Amino acid sequence: MNQKIALITGGSRGLGKSAALKLAQQGVDVILTYHHRRDEALAIVAEIAGLGRRAVALQLDVATIGGFAAFADAVRAALRDIWQRDRFDYLLNNAGTGIDAPFAETTEAQFDQMCDTHFKGVFFLTQQLLPLMADGGRILNVSSGLARFALPGKSAYAAMKGAVEVLTRYLAKELGPRGIAVNVIAPGAIATDFGGGVVRDNAQVGSYIASQTALGRVGLPDDIGDAVAMLLSDQGRWINAQRIEASGGMFI
């Protein structure tokens, strides 16, 4: 059986980092991307190597569509040089940033940044990488609980995640003939550095989120990393075109 390889955007920190390590623990090799933090990405590569798996870190700005062809060439070269292959198996579209701006004050520049990062980037990066994906592989897009419930200041970010959820169903339909399953995972509030680390570092925010979550606590990165690894495993092979929210039961 071929060694499974996952490509994870934004794999140097937060949810992407947890997903990379959880997949490596399951025996999956990893291609991870980083934007600026090369040292952190290389540390994750070393940690994955310590688990007995192979990994490589490649630079990518998911908001710069013009760089995707060169990135695909870099992935092709890594597959050839490290794995002696021309295909990878799993794509996790995870990289992203957030904004906190009331609808009435959101600028066109902020809107475009969210669109390029969370929707246009996902659309065209996935398109660019399709020739490098193995038939029978899996794509998992990262959305947000904010596409289901509404919190002030998140309209632009959440709207792009909603678009990704619709795109996911279309990808599942169109890629079905290749045996590629496509799903979306929607995390709730997670204690990471995302959004300036407000969920992780602000006790008042954390307490409020815990009070609004059925399981009574804030989510942790490994809660999402484990869910990603489960959805990309063979045990998840018949899950397709679905939105799976991993929020501990937030705002239900």
Protein backbone atom coordinates (compact mmCIF):
# COMPACT_ATOMS: atom_id res chain seq x y z
CA MET A 1 0.00 0.00 0.00
CA ASN A 2 1.31 3.45 -0.90
CA GLN A 3 2.45 5.69 1.93
CA LYS A 4 -0.22 8.36 2.51
CA ILE A 5 0.84 12.00 2.16
CA ALA A 6 -1.15 15.00 3.41
CA LEU A 7 -0.71 18.59 2.25
CA ILE A 8 -1.70 21.05 4.98
CA THR A 9 -1.83 24.79 4.40
CA GLY A 10 -0.95 26.83 7.47
CA GLY A 11 0.66 23.82 9.13
CA SER A 12 3.23 25.64 11.24
CA ARG A 13 0.94 26.67 14.11
CA GLY A 14 -2.50 26.35 15.65
CA LEU A 15 -4.97 23.91 14.18
CA GLY A 16 -2.77 23.09 11.19
CA LYS A 17 0.12 22.18 13.45
CA SER A 18 -2.07 19.90 15.56
CA ALA A 19 -3.49 18.25 12.44
CA ALA A 20 0.00 17.66 11.04
CA LEU A 21 1.18 15.99 14.23
CA LYS A 22 -1.97 13.92 14.66
CA LEU A 23 -1.76 12.68 11.07
CA ALA A 24 1.92 11.85 11.53
CA GLN A 25 1.02 9.84 14.63
CA GLN A 26 -1.32 7.85 12.39
CA GLY A 27 1.50 7.11 9.97
CA VAL A 28 0.83 9.87 7.41
CA ASP A 29 3.68 11.88 5.88
CA VAL A 30 3.17 15.64 5.60
CA ILE A 31 3.78 18.56 3.28
CA LEU A 32 3.01 21.68 5.31
CA THR A 33 2.98 25.31 4.30
CA TYR A 34 3.89 28.43 6.19
CA HIS A 35 3.56 32.12 5.34
CA HIS A 36 6.23 33.90 7.37
CA ARG A 37 7.25 31.61 10.22
CA ARG A 38 9.82 29.35 8.58
CA ASP A 39 11.56 28.47 11.85
CA GLU A 40 8.30 27.27 13.38
CA ALA A 41 7.53 25.24 10.27
CA LEU A 42 10.93 23.58 10.34
CA ALA A 43 10.43 22.76 14.01
CA ILE A 44 7.22 20.91 13.09
CA VAL A 45 9.08 19.06 10.33
CA ALA A 46 11.64 17.97 12.91
CA GLU A 47 8.91 16.91 15.33
CA ILE A 48 7.26 14.84 12.62
CA ALA A 49 10.61 13.24 11.82
CA GLY A 50 10.84 12.34 15.50
CA LEU A 51 7.61 10.40 15.05
CA GLY A 52 9.22 8.38 12.28
CA ARG A 53 7.47 10.13 9.42
CA ARG A 54 8.76 12.30 6.61
CA ALA A 55 7.77 15.94 6.18
CA VAL A 56 8.70 19.07 4.28
CA ALA A 57 7.78 22.74 4.77
CA LEU A 58 7.05 24.97 1.77
CA GLN A 59 6.36 28.71 1.74
CA LEU A 60 2.92 29.79 0.52
CA ASP A 61 0.72 32.86 0.73
CA VAL A 62 -2.78 31.48 0.21
CA ALA A 63 -4.05 34.98 -0.63
CA THR A 64 -1.70 35.39 -3.61
CA ILE A 65 -3.25 33.37 -6.40
CA GLY A 66 -0.47 34.32 -8.80
CA GLY A 67 1.97 32.22 -6.77
CA PHE A 68 0.00 28.98 -6.94
CA ALA A 69 1.58 27.61 -10.12
CA ALA A 70 5.08 27.98 -8.66
CA PHE A 71 3.87 26.40 -5.42
CA ALA A 72 2.47 23.43 -7.34
CA ASP A 73 5.89 23.05 -9.00
CA ALA A 74 7.50 23.03 -5.54
CA VAL A 75 5.05 20.34 -4.37
CA ARG A 76 5.80 18.31 -7.51
CA ALA A 77 9.53 18.56 -6.82
CA ALA A 78 9.10 17.55 -3.16
CA LEU A 79 7.02 14.54 -4.13
CA ARG A 80 9.67 13.49 -6.63
CA ASP A 81 12.72 14.11 -4.47
CA ILE A 82 11.44 12.90 -1.08
CA TRP A 83 8.85 10.27 -1.94
CA GLN A 84 9.70 9.33 -5.54
CA ARG A 85 6.05 9.88 -6.39
CA ASP A 86 3.94 12.31 -8.38
CA ARG A 87 0.76 12.37 -6.24
CA PHE A 88 -0.31 13.16 -2.68
CA ASP A 89 -3.45 11.88 -0.98
CA TYR A 90 -5.01 14.43 1.38
CA LEU A 91 -5.48 18.20 1.11
CA LEU A 92 -6.36 20.23 4.20
CA ASN A 93 -7.23 23.82 3.28
CA ASN A 94 -6.59 25.32 6.70
CA ALA A 95 -4.51 28.51 6.40
CA GLY A 96 -6.21 31.77 7.25
CA THR A 97 -6.47 34.92 9.27
CA GLY A 98 -9.41 36.72 10.86
CA ILE A 99 -10.69 40.23 11.31
CA ASP A 100 -12.97 41.79 13.89
CA ALA A 101 -14.87 44.63 12.25
CA PRO A 102 -18.55 45.60 12.46
CA PHE A 103 -20.41 45.17 9.18
CA ALA A 104 -21.00 48.92 8.86
CA GLU A 105 -17.28 49.62 9.23
CA THR A 106 -15.79 46.77 7.16
CA THR A 107 -13.69 48.19 4.35
CA GLU A 108 -13.40 46.88 0.83
CA ALA A 109 -9.74 46.09 1.53
CA GLN A 110 -10.69 43.98 4.56
CA PHE A 111 -13.39 42.23 2.56
CA ASP A 112 -10.97 41.48 -0.28
CA GLN A 113 -8.39 40.15 2.17
CA MET A 114 -10.93 37.73 3.62
CA CYS A 115 -12.11 36.69 0.16
CA ASP A 116 -8.61 36.13 -1.20
CA THR A 117 -7.51 34.16 1.86
CA HIS A 118 -10.56 32.10 2.72
CA PHE A 119 -12.50 31.66 -0.51
CA LYS A 120 -10.71 32.65 -3.70
CA GLY A 121 -7.48 31.14 -2.40
CA VAL A 122 -9.14 27.86 -1.46
CA PHE A 123 -10.94 27.70 -4.81
CA PHE A 124 -7.92 28.25 -7.01
CA LEU A 125 -5.30 26.49 -4.88
CA THR A 126 -7.43 23.35 -4.89
CA GLN A 127 -7.89 23.72 -8.65
CA GLN A 128 -4.12 24.09 -9.12
CA LEU A 129 -3.34 21.04 -6.97
CA LEU A 130 -5.92 18.68 -8.45
CA PRO A 131 -3.50 17.18 -11.01
CA LEU A 132 -1.20 16.26 -8.11
CA MET A 133 -3.91 14.58 -6.04
CA ALA A 134 -4.30 10.82 -6.09
CA ASP A 135 -7.61 9.33 -7.15
CA GLY A 136 -9.39 8.09 -4.04
CA GLY A 137 -7.92 10.92 -1.98
CA ARG A 138 -9.67 13.39 0.29
CA ILE A 139 -10.06 17.12 0.59
CA LEU A 140 -11.01 18.74 3.89
CA ASN A 141 -11.80 22.45 3.95
CA VAL A 142 -11.77 24.39 7.20
CA SER A 143 -14.82 26.55 7.89
CA SER A 144 -15.99 27.96 11.22
CA GLY A 145 -18.84 27.69 13.67
CA LEU A 146 -19.43 31.32 12.70
CA ALA A 147 -21.00 30.10 9.45
CA ARG A 148 -23.83 28.68 11.61
CA PHE A 149 -24.13 31.15 14.49
CA ALA A 150 -23.58 34.89 14.25
CA LEU A 151 -21.34 37.07 16.41
CA PRO A 152 -20.93 40.81 15.75
CA GLY A 153 -17.78 41.79 13.90
CA LYS A 154 -17.35 38.57 11.96
CA SER A 155 -19.55 39.14 8.91
CA ALA A 156 -16.83 39.21 6.23
CA TYR A 157 -14.90 36.27 7.66
CA ALA A 158 -18.01 34.17 8.22
CA ALA A 159 -19.43 34.93 4.78
CA MET A 160 -16.29 33.51 3.15
CA LYS A 161 -16.54 30.40 5.29
CA GLY A 162 -20.15 30.02 4.21
CA ALA A 163 -18.98 30.21 0.60
CA VAL A 164 -16.41 27.49 1.25
CA GLU A 165 -19.14 25.27 2.68
CA VAL A 166 -21.14 25.58 -0.56
CA LEU A 167 -17.99 25.04 -2.62
CA THR A 168 -17.30 21.86 -0.68
CA ARG A 169 -20.52 20.25 -1.87
CA TYR A 170 -19.79 21.18 -5.47
CA LEU A 171 -16.28 19.74 -5.23
CA ALA A 172 -17.68 16.52 -3.81
CA LYS A 173 -20.06 16.25 -6.74
CA GLU A 174 -17.53 17.04 -9.44
CA LEU A 175 -14.63 15.05 -7.99
CA GLY A 176 -16.72 11.99 -7.15
CA PRO A 177 -15.80 10.24 -10.41
CA ARG A 178 -12.17 10.30 -9.24
CA GLY A 179 -13.14 8.83 -5.90
CA ILE A 180 -12.11 12.00 -4.07
CA ALA A 181 -14.28 12.74 -1.02
CA VAL A 182 -14.63 16.39 0.00
CA ASN A 183 -15.87 17.57 3.38
CA VAL A 184 -15.72 20.67 5.55
CA ILE A 185 -14.83 20.84 9.24
CA ALA A 186 -16.14 23.81 11.20
CA PRO A 187 -14.30 24.43 14.48
CA GLY A 188 -15.89 26.37 17.28
CA ALA A 189 -13.87 28.74 19.47
CA ILE A 190 -10.43 27.22 19.98
CA ALA A 191 -7.65 28.34 22.32
CA THR A 192 -4.96 29.30 19.79
CA ASP A 193 -3.20 32.50 18.72
CA PHE A 194 -5.88 33.05 16.04
CA GLY A 195 -7.47 36.48 16.26
CA GLY A 196 -4.75 37.69 18.57
CA GLY A 197 -5.24 34.77 20.95
CA VAL A 198 -8.38 36.25 22.50
CA VAL A 199 -9.99 32.85 23.19
CA ARG A 200 -6.79 31.49 24.69
CA ASP A 201 -5.65 34.51 26.66
CA ASN A 202 -8.76 36.42 27.72
CA ALA A 203 -10.25 34.71 30.77
CA GLN A 204 -13.55 36.55 30.46
CA VAL A 205 -13.98 35.47 26.82
CA GLY A 206 -12.99 31.91 27.67
CA SER A 207 -15.46 31.76 30.53
CA TYR A 208 -18.28 33.02 28.34
CA ILE A 209 -17.53 30.51 25.59
CA ALA A 210 -17.37 27.66 28.09
CA SER A 211 -20.75 28.72 29.48
CA GLN A 212 -22.26 28.59 25.98
CA THR A 213 -20.77 25.19 25.08
CA ALA A 214 -22.58 21.98 25.94
CA LEU A 215 -19.39 20.23 27.02
CA GLY A 216 -18.54 23.17 29.29
CA ARG A 217 -15.11 24.24 28.10
CA VAL A 218 -13.21 26.05 25.35
CA GLY A 219 -11.90 23.91 22.51
CA LEU A 220 -8.23 22.95 22.26
CA PRO A 221 -6.13 22.56 19.10
CA ASP A 222 -5.93 18.80 19.55
CA ASP A 223 -9.73 18.60 19.59
CA ILE A 224 -9.59 19.71 15.97
CA GLY A 225 -6.40 17.86 15.09
CA ASP A 226 -7.96 14.57 16.21
CA ALA A 227 -11.14 15.31 14.24
CA VAL A 228 -9.13 16.09 11.10
CA ALA A 229 -7.13 12.88 11.44
CA MET A 230 -10.35 10.91 11.90
CA LEU A 231 -12.02 12.44 8.84
CA LEU A 232 -8.99 11.83 6.65
CA SER A 233 -8.52 8.24 7.86
CA ASP A 234 -9.88 5.16 6.10
CA GLN A 235 -12.59 5.05 8.76
CA GLY A 236 -13.98 8.24 7.23
CA ARG A 237 -14.08 6.94 3.68
CA TRP A 238 -17.89 7.05 3.30
CA ILE A 239 -18.29 10.57 4.68
CA ASN A 240 -18.65 12.93 1.74
CA ALA A 241 -20.11 16.38 1.00
CA GLN A 242 -20.71 16.97 4.71
CA ARG A 243 -20.22 19.83 7.13
CA ILE A 244 -18.89 18.48 10.42
CA GLU A 245 -18.89 21.02 13.23
CA ALA A 246 -16.33 20.38 15.96
CA SER A 247 -17.38 22.88 18.60
CA GLY A 248 -18.27 20.83 21.66
CA GLY A 249 -21.87 21.90 21.15
CA MET A 250 -21.38 25.68 21.05
CA PHE A 251 -24.55 27.81 20.95
CA ILE A 252 -27.02 24.95 20.70
